[in-house]
C-alpha atoms as a PDB file:
ATOM      1  CA  MET A   1      15.005   8.900  -8.429  1.00  0.00           C
ATOM      2  CA  THR A   2      18.192   9.511  -6.229  1.00  0.00           C
ATOM      3  CA  THR A   3      19.727   6.248  -4.728  1.00  0.00           C
ATOM      4  CA  PRO A   4      20.321   8.142  -1.454  1.00  0.00           C
ATOM      5  CA  ASP A   5      16.426   9.216  -1.197  1.00  0.00           C
ATOM      6  CA  LEU A   6      15.708   5.066  -1.440  1.00  0.00           C
ATOM      7  CA  ASP A   7      18.720   4.253   0.398  1.00  0.00           C
ATOM      8  CA  SER A   8      17.459   6.573   3.522  1.00  0.00           C
ATOM      9  CA  ALA A   9      13.886   4.964   3.275  1.00  0.00           C
ATOM     10  CA  LEU A  10      14.994   1.362   3.385  1.00  0.00           C
ATOM     11  CA  ALA A  11      17.089   2.229   6.041  1.00  0.00           C
ATOM     12  CA  ALA A  12      13.878   4.011   8.184  1.00  0.00           C
ATOM     13  CA  LEU A  13      11.787   0.676   6.768  1.00  0.00           C
ATOM     14  CA  HIS A  14      14.257  -1.638   8.113  1.00  0.00           C
ATOM     15  CA  GLN A  15      14.139   0.485  11.460  1.00  0.00           C
ATOM     16  CA  GLY A  16      10.616   0.135  11.691  1.00  0.00           C
ATOM     17  CA  LEU A  17       9.488   3.627  10.529  1.00  0.00           C
ATOM     18  CA  VAL A  18       6.951   5.010   8.671  1.00  0.00           C
ATOM     19  CA  ILE A  19       8.005   6.550   5.192  1.00  0.00           C
ATOM     20  CA  GLY A  20       6.273   8.590   2.556  1.00  0.00           C
ATOM     21  CA  LEU A  21       6.367   7.608  -0.995  1.00  0.00           C
ATOM     22  CA  PRO A  22       4.780   8.207  -4.218  1.00  0.00           C
ATOM     23  CA  THR A  23       2.567   5.669  -6.061  1.00  0.00           C
ATOM     24  CA  ASP A  24       0.123   6.321  -9.084  1.00  0.00           C
ATOM     25  CA  THR A  25      -3.120   7.320  -7.515  1.00  0.00           C
ATOM     26  CA  VAL A  26      -2.018   9.256  -4.465  1.00  0.00           C
ATOM     27  CA  TYR A  27       1.020  10.348  -2.314  1.00  0.00           C
ATOM     28  CA  GLY A  28       1.240   7.402   0.506  1.00  0.00           C
ATOM     29  CA  ILE A  29       2.649   6.254   3.638  1.00  0.00           C
ATOM     30  CA  GLY A  30       4.057   2.684   4.621  1.00  0.00           C
ATOM     31  CA  VAL A  31       5.847   0.409   6.716  1.00  0.00           C
ATOM     32  CA  ASP A  32       7.223  -3.223   6.495  1.00  0.00           C
ATOM     33  CA  PRO A  33       4.358  -4.711   7.250  1.00  0.00           C
ATOM     34  CA  GLU A  34       6.375  -8.159   8.195  1.00  0.00           C
ATOM     35  CA  GLN A  35       7.045  -5.798  11.530  1.00  0.00           C
ATOM     36  CA  GLU A  36       4.076  -5.926  13.682  1.00  0.00           C
ATOM     37  CA  PRO A  37       5.092  -2.815  15.578  1.00  0.00           C
ATOM     38  CA  ALA A  38       5.653  -1.049  12.666  1.00  0.00           C
ATOM     39  CA  LEU A  39       1.939  -1.649  11.200  1.00  0.00           C
ATOM     40  CA  ARG A  40       0.902  -0.642  14.501  1.00  0.00           C
ATOM     41  CA  ARG A  41       2.942   2.572  14.277  1.00  0.00           C
ATOM     42  CA  LEU A  42       1.519   3.065  10.766  1.00  0.00           C
ATOM     43  CA  TYR A  43      -2.144   3.143  12.239  1.00  0.00           C
ATOM     44  CA  LYS A  44      -1.044   5.342  15.040  1.00  0.00           C
ATOM     45  CA  VAL A  45       0.361   8.050  12.557  1.00  0.00           C
ATOM     46  CA  LYS A  46      -2.556   8.047  10.356  1.00  0.00           C
ATOM     47  CA  GLY A  47      -4.970   7.828  13.159  1.00  0.00           C
ATOM     48  CA  ARG A  48      -7.172   5.187  11.671  1.00  0.00           C
ATOM     49  CA  PRO A  49      -9.534   2.225  13.363  1.00  0.00           C
ATOM     50  CA  GLU A  50      -6.914  -1.068  13.440  1.00  0.00           C
ATOM     51  CA  GLU A  51     -10.280  -3.103  12.643  1.00  0.00           C
ATOM     52  CA  LYS A  52      -9.596  -0.938   8.805  1.00  0.00           C
ATOM     53  CA  PRO A  53      -6.907  -3.074   7.439  1.00  0.00           C
ATOM     54  CA  ILE A  54      -4.228  -1.697   5.633  1.00  0.00           C
ATOM     55  CA  PRO A  55      -3.327  -2.380   2.062  1.00  0.00           C
ATOM     56  CA  ILE A  56       0.047  -3.930   0.980  1.00  0.00           C
ATOM     57  CA  LEU A  57       1.853  -2.865  -2.305  1.00  0.00           C
ATOM     58  CA  ALA A  58       3.992  -5.135  -3.962  1.00  0.00           C
ATOM     59  CA  ALA A  59       6.518  -4.869  -7.028  1.00  0.00           C
ATOM     60  CA  SER A  60       5.597  -7.677  -9.143  1.00  0.00           C
ATOM     61  CA  LEU A  61       2.559 -10.570  -9.700  1.00  0.00           C
ATOM     62  CA  SER A  62       5.104 -12.845  -8.030  1.00  0.00           C
ATOM     63  CA  ASP A  63       5.687 -10.411  -4.853  1.00  0.00           C
ATOM     64  CA  ALA A  64       1.930 -10.183  -4.390  1.00  0.00           C
ATOM     65  CA  ARG A  65       1.288 -14.232  -4.826  1.00  0.00           C
ATOM     66  CA  GLY A  66       3.775 -14.476  -1.736  1.00  0.00           C
ATOM     67  CA  MET A  67       0.952 -12.567   0.140  1.00  0.00           C
ATOM     68  CA  GLY A  68      -2.239 -13.698  -0.853  1.00  0.00           C
ATOM     69  CA  MET A  69      -3.957 -15.880  -3.228  1.00  0.00           C
ATOM     70  CA  ILE A  70      -4.195 -13.929  -6.351  1.00  0.00           C
ATOM     71  CA  PRO A  71      -6.543 -15.442  -9.150  1.00  0.00           C
ATOM     72  CA  GLU A  72      -5.629 -15.443 -12.797  1.00  0.00           C
ATOM     73  CA  GLY A  73      -6.684 -12.448 -14.718  1.00  0.00           C
ATOM     74  CA  VAL A  74      -5.573  -9.737 -12.313  1.00  0.00           C
ATOM     75  CA  GLU A  75      -2.561  -9.545 -14.281  1.00  0.00           C
ATOM     76  CA  ARG A  76      -3.759  -7.738 -16.766  1.00  0.00           C
ATOM     77  CA  TYR A  77      -4.666  -4.929 -14.599  1.00  0.00           C
ATOM     78  CA  TRP A  78      -1.082  -4.765 -12.862  1.00  0.00           C
ATOM     79  CA  PRO A  79       0.810  -2.377 -12.272  1.00  0.00           C
ATOM     80  CA  GLY A  80      -2.010  -0.265 -12.163  1.00  0.00           C
ATOM     81  CA  ALA A  81      -4.717   1.416  -9.749  1.00  0.00           C
ATOM     82  CA  LEU A  82      -6.522  -2.110  -8.742  1.00  0.00           C
ATOM     83  CA  THR A  83      -6.502  -3.455  -5.320  1.00  0.00           C
ATOM     84  CA  VAL A  84      -7.768  -6.644  -5.009  1.00  0.00           C
ATOM     85  CA  VAL A  85      -9.176  -8.096  -1.272  1.00  0.00           C
ATOM     86  CA  VAL A  86      -7.897 -11.736  -1.805  1.00  0.00           C
ATOM     87  CA  ARG A  87      -7.463 -14.872   0.827  1.00  0.00           C
ATOM     88  CA  ARG A  88      -4.475 -14.230   2.639  1.00  0.00           C
ATOM     89  CA  MET A  89      -1.589 -17.222   2.310  1.00  0.00           C
ATOM     90  CA  PRO A  90      -0.872 -19.130   5.150  1.00  0.00           C
ATOM     91  CA  ALA A  91       2.414 -17.801   5.742  1.00  0.00           C
ATOM     92  CA  THR A  92       1.306 -14.123   5.905  1.00  0.00           C
ATOM     93  CA  PRO A  93       1.236 -12.909   9.602  1.00  0.00           C
ATOM     94  CA  ARG A  94      -1.571 -12.568  11.079  1.00  0.00           C
ATOM     95  CA  TRP A  95      -1.395  -8.991  11.768  1.00  0.00           C
ATOM     96  CA  ILE A  96      -1.561  -8.179   7.780  1.00  0.00           C
ATOM     97  CA  GLY A  97      -5.056  -7.570   6.487  1.00  0.00           C
ATOM     98  CA  ASP A  98      -8.112  -8.659   7.876  1.00  0.00           C
ATOM     99  CA  ALA A  99      -7.213 -11.633  10.823  1.00  0.00           C
ATOM    100  CA  GLU A 100     -11.167 -12.826  11.269  1.00  0.00           C
ATOM    101  CA  LYS A 101     -11.761 -13.252   7.505  1.00  0.00           C
ATOM    102  CA  GLY A 102      -8.154 -14.303   6.576  1.00  0.00           C
ATOM    103  CA  THR A 103      -8.155 -11.464   3.763  1.00  0.00           C
ATOM    104  CA  VAL A 104      -5.390  -9.050   2.673  1.00  0.00           C
ATOM    105  CA  ALA A 105      -6.064  -6.194  -0.184  1.00  0.00           C
ATOM    106  CA  ILE A 106      -2.914  -5.977  -2.651  1.00  0.00           C
ATOM    107  CA  ARG A 107      -2.097  -4.229  -5.455  1.00  0.00           C
ATOM    108  CA  VAL A 108       1.031  -3.659  -7.760  1.00  0.00           C
ATOM    109  CA  PRO A 109       1.322   0.125  -8.191  1.00  0.00           C
ATOM    110  CA  ASP A 110       1.898   1.672 -11.537  1.00  0.00           C
ATOM    111  CA  HIS A 111       4.689   4.378 -10.422  1.00  0.00           C
ATOM    112  CA  PRO A 112       8.453   3.787 -11.268  1.00  0.00           C
ATOM    113  CA  ILE A 113       9.727   5.300  -8.024  1.00  0.00           C
ATOM    114  CA  ALA A 114       6.956   2.891  -5.685  1.00  0.00           C
ATOM    115  CA  LEU A 115       8.232   0.117  -7.887  1.00  0.00           C
ATOM    116  CA  GLU A 116      11.727   0.839  -7.704  1.00  0.00           C
ATOM    117  CA  LEU A 117      11.572   0.861  -3.753  1.00  0.00           C
ATOM    118  CA  LEU A 118       9.258  -2.068  -3.344  1.00  0.00           C
ATOM    119  CA  ALA A 119      11.350  -4.264  -5.761  1.00  0.00           C
ATOM    120  CA  ARG A 120      14.104  -3.438  -2.768  1.00  0.00           C
ATOM    121  CA  SER A 121      12.210  -3.647   0.254  1.00  0.00           C
ATOM    122  CA  GLY A 122       9.599  -6.443  -0.537  1.00  0.00           C
ATOM    123  CA  PRO A 123       5.929  -5.444  -0.075  1.00  0.00           C
ATOM    124  CA  LEU A 124       5.024  -2.705   2.228  1.00  0.00           C
ATOM    125  CA  ALA A 125       1.742  -1.542   4.044  1.00  0.00           C
ATOM    126  CA  VAL A 126       1.018   1.627   2.302  1.00  0.00           C
ATOM    127  CA  THR A 127      -2.250   3.621   2.819  1.00  0.00           C
ATOM    128  CA  SER A 128      -2.708   7.481   1.750  1.00  0.00           C
ATOM    129  CA  ALA A 129      -0.794  10.072   3.474  1.00  0.00           C
ATOM    130  CA  ASN A 130      -3.207  11.773   5.552  1.00  0.00           C
ATOM    131  CA  ARG A 131      -4.977  11.840   9.171  1.00  0.00           C
ATOM    132  CA  SER A 132      -7.754   9.318   8.327  1.00  0.00           C
ATOM    133  CA  GLY A 133     -11.008  11.046   7.650  1.00  0.00           C
ATOM    134  CA  GLU A 134      -8.908  13.921   5.788  1.00  0.00           C
ATOM    135  CA  PRO A 135      -8.184  14.414   1.882  1.00  0.00           C
ATOM    136  CA  PRO A 136      -4.733  12.564   1.013  1.00  0.00           C
ATOM    137  CA  ALA A 137      -1.685  14.230   0.028  1.00  0.00           C
ATOM    138  CA  GLY A 138      -0.776  14.459  -3.651  1.00  0.00           C
ATOM    139  CA  ASP A 139       3.009  14.872  -3.032  1.00  0.00           C
ATOM    140  CA  ASP A 140       5.649  14.712  -0.419  1.00  0.00           C
ATOM    141  CA  THR A 141       5.279  18.323   0.411  1.00  0.00           C
ATOM    142  CA  ALA A 142       1.791  18.295   1.368  1.00  0.00           C
ATOM    143  CA  ALA A 143       2.025  14.838   3.062  1.00  0.00           C
ATOM    144  CA  ARG A 144       4.818  16.985   5.363  1.00  0.00           C
ATOM    145  CA  THR A 145       2.497  19.583   6.235  1.00  0.00           C
ATOM    146  CA  ALA A 146      -0.145  16.784   6.862  1.00  0.00           C
ATOM    147  CA  LEU A 147       2.145  14.334   8.876  1.00  0.00           C
ATOM    148  CA  GLY A 148       5.330  16.655   9.938  1.00  0.00           C
ATOM    149  CA  ASP A 149       7.668  14.332  12.015  1.00  0.00           C
ATOM    150  CA  ARG A 150       5.642  11.358  12.694  1.00  0.00           C
ATOM    151  CA  VAL A 151       6.993  10.115   9.062  1.00  0.00           C
ATOM    152  CA  ALA A 152      10.532   9.278   9.451  1.00  0.00           C
ATOM    153  CA  VAL A 153      11.781   9.526   5.277  1.00  0.00           C
ATOM    154  CA  TYR A 154       9.519  11.043   2.716  1.00  0.00           C
ATOM    155  CA  VAL A 155      10.348   9.924  -0.893  1.00  0.00           C
ATOM    156  CA  PRO A 156      10.365  12.941  -3.330  1.00  0.00           C
ATOM    157  CA  GLY A 157       7.453  12.803  -5.799  1.00  0.00           C
ATOM    158  CA  ALA A 158       3.879  12.795  -6.300  1.00  0.00           C
ATOM    159  CA  GLY A 159       1.310  10.589  -6.731  1.00  0.00           C
ATOM    160  CA  SER A 160       0.353  10.223 -10.601  1.00  0.00           C
ATOM    161  CA  GLY A 161      -3.362   9.754 -10.383  1.00  0.00           C
ATOM    162  CA  GLY A 162      -4.737  11.807  -7.961  1.00  0.00           C
ATOM    163  CA  ALA A 163      -7.729   9.582  -7.052  1.00  0.00           C
ATOM    164  CA  ALA A 164      -8.015   6.588  -4.687  1.00  0.00           C
ATOM    165  CA  SER A 165      -7.624   2.846  -6.678  1.00  0.00           C
ATOM    166  CA  THR A 166     -10.551   0.311  -7.362  1.00  0.00           C
ATOM    167  CA  VAL A 167     -10.773  -1.963  -4.699  1.00  0.00           C
ATOM    168  CA  ILE A 168     -12.409  -5.488  -5.574  1.00  0.00           C
ATOM    169  CA  ASP A 169     -13.221  -8.124  -2.990  1.00  0.00           C
ATOM    170  CA  LEU A 170     -12.774 -11.624  -5.079  1.00  0.00           C
ATOM    171  CA  THR A 171     -12.972 -13.839  -1.862  1.00  0.00           C
ATOM    172  CA  GLY A 172     -16.746 -15.323  -2.906  1.00  0.00           C
ATOM    173  CA  ARG A 173     -17.810 -16.536  -6.238  1.00  0.00           C
ATOM    174  CA  THR A 174     -18.197 -13.298  -8.057  1.00  0.00           C
ATOM    175  CA  ALA A 175     -16.396  -9.787  -7.889  1.00  0.00           C
ATOM    176  CA  VAL A 176     -17.916  -7.313  -5.455  1.00  0.00           C
ATOM    177  CA  VAL A 177     -16.828  -3.493  -6.189  1.00  0.00           C
ATOM    178  CA  LEU A 178     -16.010  -2.053  -2.730  1.00  0.00           C
ATOM    179  CA  ARG A 179     -14.962   1.348  -4.101  1.00  0.00           C
ATOM    180  CA  PRO A 180     -15.187   2.551  -7.492  1.00  0.00           C
ATOM    181  CA  GLY A 181     -11.674   4.219  -8.863  1.00  0.00           C
ATOM    182  CA  PRO A 182      -9.983   4.548 -11.860  1.00  0.00           C
ATOM    183  CA  VAL A 183     -10.251   1.060 -13.134  1.00  0.00           C
ATOM    184  CA  ALA A 184     -13.002  -0.606 -14.723  1.00  0.00           C
ATOM    185  CA  TRP A 185     -13.355  -4.167 -13.404  1.00  0.00           C
ATOM    186  CA  GLU A 186     -14.320  -6.745 -16.222  1.00  0.00           C
ATOM    187  CA  PRO A 187     -14.117 -10.535 -14.612  1.00  0.00           C
END
């Protein structure tokens, strides 16, 4: 990955704009979740209902634990295509995750470009690069075709998995699979 591509993406994130980035599942779009107007912009670009929270991608288990209460054992699946729904940390802004339930969905992707960007930016709110209800984009070219100039910067690359991540709710006594995917959860 060239530094100018990441530098442009980081500058756009700092300005509260939406960027495109490759992940280990599909190509995604994301923003700095600490900036509430940026998160609202992401919902608008995606056409996603605001009651459907956008997951957080982090560069490491440590970064993920800054946003949510990640239980022991999750680290064996990360980096990877497993998203966990957990209780939010008290310092996590109310607009991140599900405010009513006090939860946030988090994962650490297994993609070198995504990890490099996340290590430099901090955690990002990321969703698939498509309008809500349409098939996700596999790469930056497909994302640009679907979303055009509503996304400020498209980091070149492709999703390496092609399928959305497995989503597991870990907020109760037992884990609940919310969306099956490429990772088989074994408690």
